[in-house]
Amino acid sequence: MSRLQKLRRIAIQLLKILVALVLLFSPYKEEAILLIAIVMAFALLVWGMRMLVFYLRMARHMVGGFSLLFVGVIALDASLLALTLLDNSPVFVMLYLVAERMFAGAVAFARAFEARGYKSPWKLKLLHGIIEIAAAIACVVFLRMPSVLVDVYSVSLIYSALISIIDTLRPQDIVYIQ
């Protein structure tokens, strides 16, 4: 990862922490749920569009690049789903966001076991997955209390951003193939 990519990733994670702190100390918890869904939908929309543009410009010529087309389409579909949920009850919006946290935890969990198989550092990824899944379960438990729900979700976002910053700043081994 180049220095510019590291700076970009750290800036995005600091922005995520800032948004989570605003949500954490906001007195309007019901509206905060809708704000979270709008930001999530916009982020997924931008990411999906970037993946589709990357596929059209370069990945279609790569081995395995066709899978990036599916990733882009699924991200666009998830963003449209988040936007359509805005008209429904905030409970449905939070169920969608809880499912996103659960999926993030499952992916971190799977990445930890994959890294363990390659004899690389895996404990931080495993801890990240466990805490993400625990936060999602806590959100399901407090589903009828929007203030507690937004607080748990905000703390989960802060933790996720801090783990990403730590992972970015950790020195990476460069493998040379001869």
Foldseek 3Di string as FASTA:
>chain_A
DDPVVLVVLLVVLVVLLVLLVCQLPPPPLQVNLLVVLLVQLVVLLVVLVVLCVCLVPPLVPPVVSVVSPVSSVVSNVLSVVSVVCSVDHSLVSLLSVLVVLLVQLVVLCVVLVVCVVVVHDRPLSPVLSVLSNVLSVVLVVCSVPSSVNSNSVSVNSNVVSVSSSVVSPDDDDDDDDD
